[in-house]
Amino acid sequence: MSEMGVTLHLKVKPNDHEHWRVLLEGLDRGELGAYLEERVEPFGQQAEDLLESLLDDSAGLFFEFKLLNQQNVLAGADYSIQIMSNGVLSLCMPRIMELLDACGAEILDKMVYQEE
């Protein structure tokens, strides 16, 4: 199966920088499930509900998250992340985008790629 990925460049609210740093560093370390749910709590109930639904619906699917180092961050963005999956990312991407929006992130740029 081919691997699909997306790179997202995010702008976040100044008051949320610490929450985002903790969330993204945890994702970079592969901390999903309960760890991820705990790190989304500061963003409110809507974000928690969206994450819970996304985790339930994507159980058993492969996802890998990578926080890009500062030299790869788009000018004007606070964080850049790369999400990779085993071809199912396109199915989950609209809900991931909805979750990011609920957490107060603005997507400055999105680049999708696919590897055979």
C-alpha atoms as a PDB file:
ATOM      1  CA  MET A   1       0.000   0.000   0.000  1.00  0.00           C
ATOM      2  CA  SER A   2       1.278   3.465  -0.787  1.00  0.00           C
ATOM      3  CA  GLU A   3       2.112   6.001   1.876  1.00  0.00           C
ATOM      4  CA  MET A   4       0.403   9.371   1.876  1.00  0.00           C
ATOM      5  CA  GLY A   5       1.530  12.456   3.723  1.00  0.00           C
ATOM      6  CA  VAL A   6       0.716  16.065   4.297  1.00  0.00           C
ATOM      7  CA  THR A   7       2.765  18.932   5.644  1.00  0.00           C
ATOM      8  CA  LEU A   8       0.796  21.609   7.481  1.00  0.00           C
ATOM      9  CA  HIS A   9       2.085  25.033   8.487  1.00  0.00           C
ATOM     10  CA  LEU A  10       0.129  26.332  11.478  1.00  0.00           C
ATOM     11  CA  LYS A  11      -0.411  29.728  13.068  1.00  0.00           C
ATOM     12  CA  VAL A  12      -1.765  29.548  16.626  1.00  0.00           C
ATOM     13  CA  LYS A  13      -3.118  32.077  19.096  1.00  0.00           C
ATOM     14  CA  PRO A  14      -0.371  33.651  21.242  1.00  0.00           C
ATOM     15  CA  ASN A  15      -1.999  32.434  24.467  1.00  0.00           C
ATOM     16  CA  ASP A  16      -2.045  28.839  23.164  1.00  0.00           C
ATOM     17  CA  HIS A  17       1.639  28.460  22.267  1.00  0.00           C
ATOM     18  CA  GLU A  18       2.500  26.347  25.318  1.00  0.00           C
ATOM     19  CA  HIS A  19      -0.495  24.018  24.794  1.00  0.00           C
ATOM     20  CA  TRP A  20       0.471  23.566  21.143  1.00  0.00           C
ATOM     21  CA  ARG A  21       4.133  22.941  21.979  1.00  0.00           C
ATOM     22  CA  VAL A  22       3.214  20.186  24.449  1.00  0.00           C
ATOM     23  CA  LEU A  23       0.643  18.680  22.056  1.00  0.00           C
ATOM     24  CA  LEU A  24       2.939  18.616  19.020  1.00  0.00           C
ATOM     25  CA  GLU A  25       6.015  17.409  20.907  1.00  0.00           C
ATOM     26  CA  GLY A  26       3.909  14.535  22.258  1.00  0.00           C
ATOM     27  CA  LEU A  27       2.687  13.641  18.765  1.00  0.00           C
ATOM     28  CA  ASP A  28       6.290  13.743  17.556  1.00  0.00           C
ATOM     29  CA  ARG A  29       7.146  11.163  20.241  1.00  0.00           C
ATOM     30  CA  GLY A  30       4.250   8.964  19.097  1.00  0.00           C
ATOM     31  CA  GLU A  31       2.055   9.673  22.118  1.00  0.00           C
ATOM     32  CA  LEU A  32      -1.493   9.010  20.936  1.00  0.00           C
ATOM     33  CA  GLY A  33      -4.669   7.757  22.613  1.00  0.00           C
ATOM     34  CA  ALA A  34      -5.107   8.934  26.212  1.00  0.00           C
ATOM     35  CA  TYR A  35      -1.992  11.128  26.019  1.00  0.00           C
ATOM     36  CA  LEU A  36      -3.396  12.946  23.015  1.00  0.00           C
ATOM     37  CA  GLU A  37      -6.847  13.288  24.588  1.00  0.00           C
ATOM     38  CA  GLU A  38      -5.277  14.872  27.675  1.00  0.00           C
ATOM     39  CA  ARG A  39      -3.318  17.358  25.572  1.00  0.00           C
ATOM     40  CA  VAL A  40      -6.422  18.455  23.648  1.00  0.00           C
ATOM     41  CA  GLU A  41      -8.426  19.230  26.822  1.00  0.00           C
ATOM     42  CA  PRO A  42      -7.229  22.884  27.055  1.00  0.00           C
ATOM     43  CA  PHE A  43      -8.862  23.564  23.665  1.00  0.00           C
ATOM     44  CA  GLY A  44     -12.373  22.772  24.921  1.00  0.00           C
ATOM     45  CA  GLN A  45     -15.185  20.261  24.641  1.00  0.00           C
ATOM     46  CA  GLN A  46     -15.697  20.568  20.877  1.00  0.00           C
ATOM     47  CA  ALA A  47     -12.037  19.683  20.260  1.00  0.00           C
ATOM     48  CA  GLU A  48     -12.245  16.787  22.742  1.00  0.00           C
ATOM     49  CA  ASP A  49     -15.375  15.400  21.055  1.00  0.00           C
ATOM     50  CA  LEU A  50     -13.863  15.691  17.570  1.00  0.00           C
ATOM     51  CA  LEU A  51     -10.687  13.933  18.687  1.00  0.00           C
ATOM     52  CA  GLU A  52     -12.599  11.134  20.396  1.00  0.00           C
ATOM     53  CA  SER A  53     -14.659  10.539  17.258  1.00  0.00           C
ATOM     54  CA  LEU A  54     -11.565  10.628  15.034  1.00  0.00           C
ATOM     55  CA  LEU A  55      -9.691   8.167  17.266  1.00  0.00           C
ATOM     56  CA  ASP A  56     -12.671   5.791  17.386  1.00  0.00           C
ATOM     57  CA  ASP A  57     -13.136   5.847  13.615  1.00  0.00           C
ATOM     58  CA  SER A  58      -9.436   5.455  12.809  1.00  0.00           C
ATOM     59  CA  ALA A  59      -8.656   2.659  15.296  1.00  0.00           C
ATOM     60  CA  GLY A  60      -6.169   0.237  13.783  1.00  0.00           C
ATOM     61  CA  LEU A  61      -4.966   2.654  11.111  1.00  0.00           C
ATOM     62  CA  PHE A  62      -1.336   3.736  10.866  1.00  0.00           C
ATOM     63  CA  PHE A  63      -0.492   7.398  11.463  1.00  0.00           C
ATOM     64  CA  GLU A  64       2.878   9.005  12.153  1.00  0.00           C
ATOM     65  CA  PHE A  65       3.343  12.634  13.181  1.00  0.00           C
ATOM     66  CA  LYS A  66       6.548  14.626  12.915  1.00  0.00           C
ATOM     67  CA  LEU A  67       7.153  18.119  14.248  1.00  0.00           C
ATOM     68  CA  LEU A  68       9.428  19.838  11.736  1.00  0.00           C
ATOM     69  CA  ASN A  69      12.440  21.709  13.054  1.00  0.00           C
ATOM     70  CA  GLN A  70      12.434  25.484  13.042  1.00  0.00           C
ATOM     71  CA  GLN A  71      14.436  25.833   9.807  1.00  0.00           C
ATOM     72  CA  ASN A  72      11.638  24.024   7.922  1.00  0.00           C
ATOM     73  CA  VAL A  73       8.815  26.153   9.329  1.00  0.00           C
ATOM     74  CA  LEU A  74       7.096  28.376   6.782  1.00  0.00           C
ATOM     75  CA  ALA A  75       7.702  32.090   7.327  1.00  0.00           C
ATOM     76  CA  GLY A  76       4.885  33.449   9.485  1.00  0.00           C
ATOM     77  CA  ALA A  77       3.922  30.028  10.852  1.00  0.00           C
ATOM     78  CA  ASP A  78       4.409  29.022  14.467  1.00  0.00           C
ATOM     79  CA  TYR A  79       4.682  25.279  13.834  1.00  0.00           C
ATOM     80  CA  SER A  80       4.980  22.919  10.899  1.00  0.00           C
ATOM     81  CA  ILE A  81       3.960  19.292  11.155  1.00  0.00           C
ATOM     82  CA  GLN A  82       4.063  16.328   8.842  1.00  0.00           C
ATOM     83  CA  ILE A  83       1.426  13.599   9.044  1.00  0.00           C
ATOM     84  CA  MET A  84       2.021  10.290   7.278  1.00  0.00           C
ATOM     85  CA  SER A  85      -0.371   7.388   6.838  1.00  0.00           C
ATOM     86  CA  ASN A  86      -0.795   4.146   4.932  1.00  0.00           C
ATOM     87  CA  GLY A  87      -3.061   5.607   2.276  1.00  0.00           C
ATOM     88  CA  VAL A  88      -6.045   6.382   4.525  1.00  0.00           C
ATOM     89  CA  LEU A  89      -5.026   9.948   5.299  1.00  0.00           C
ATOM     90  CA  SER A  90      -7.243  11.355   2.553  1.00  0.00           C
ATOM     91  CA  LEU A  91     -10.271   9.848   4.308  1.00  0.00           C
ATOM     92  CA  CYS A  92      -9.376  11.404   7.673  1.00  0.00           C
ATOM     93  CA  MET A  93      -7.959  14.728   6.484  1.00  0.00           C
ATOM     94  CA  PRO A  94     -11.214  16.729   6.542  1.00  0.00           C
ATOM     95  CA  ARG A  95     -11.784  15.697  10.160  1.00  0.00           C
ATOM     96  CA  ILE A  96      -8.169  16.429  11.105  1.00  0.00           C
ATOM     97  CA  MET A  97      -8.587  19.903   9.605  1.00  0.00           C
ATOM     98  CA  GLU A  98     -11.822  20.372  11.577  1.00  0.00           C
ATOM     99  CA  LEU A  99     -10.022  19.320  14.766  1.00  0.00           C
ATOM    100  CA  LEU A 100      -7.150  21.752  14.122  1.00  0.00           C
ATOM    101  CA  ASP A 101      -9.684  24.532  13.592  1.00  0.00           C
ATOM    102  CA  ALA A 102     -11.478  23.635  16.843  1.00  0.00           C
ATOM    103  CA  CYS A 103      -8.114  23.894  18.598  1.00  0.00           C
ATOM    104  CA  GLY A 104      -7.664  27.410  17.216  1.00  0.00           C
ATOM    105  CA  ALA A 105      -5.024  26.695  14.579  1.00  0.00           C
ATOM    106  CA  GLU A 106      -4.974  28.569  11.296  1.00  0.00           C
ATOM    107  CA  ILE A 107      -3.586  26.547   8.381  1.00  0.00           C
ATOM    108  CA  LEU A 108      -1.247  28.842   6.442  1.00  0.00           C
ATOM    109  CA  ASP A 109      -0.197  26.224   3.902  1.00  0.00           C
ATOM    110  CA  LYS A 110      -0.830  22.545   3.139  1.00  0.00           C
ATOM    111  CA  MET A 111       1.254  20.299   0.908  1.00  0.00           C
ATOM    112  CA  VAL A 112       0.024  16.761   0.137  1.00  0.00           C
ATOM    113  CA  TYR A 113       2.228  14.035  -1.299  1.00  0.00           C
ATOM    114  CA  GLN A 114       2.002  10.325  -2.048  1.00  0.00           C
ATOM    115  CA  GLU A 115       4.732   7.704  -2.294  1.00  0.00           C
ATOM    116  CA  GLU A 116       4.277   4.357  -4.043  1.00  0.00           C
END
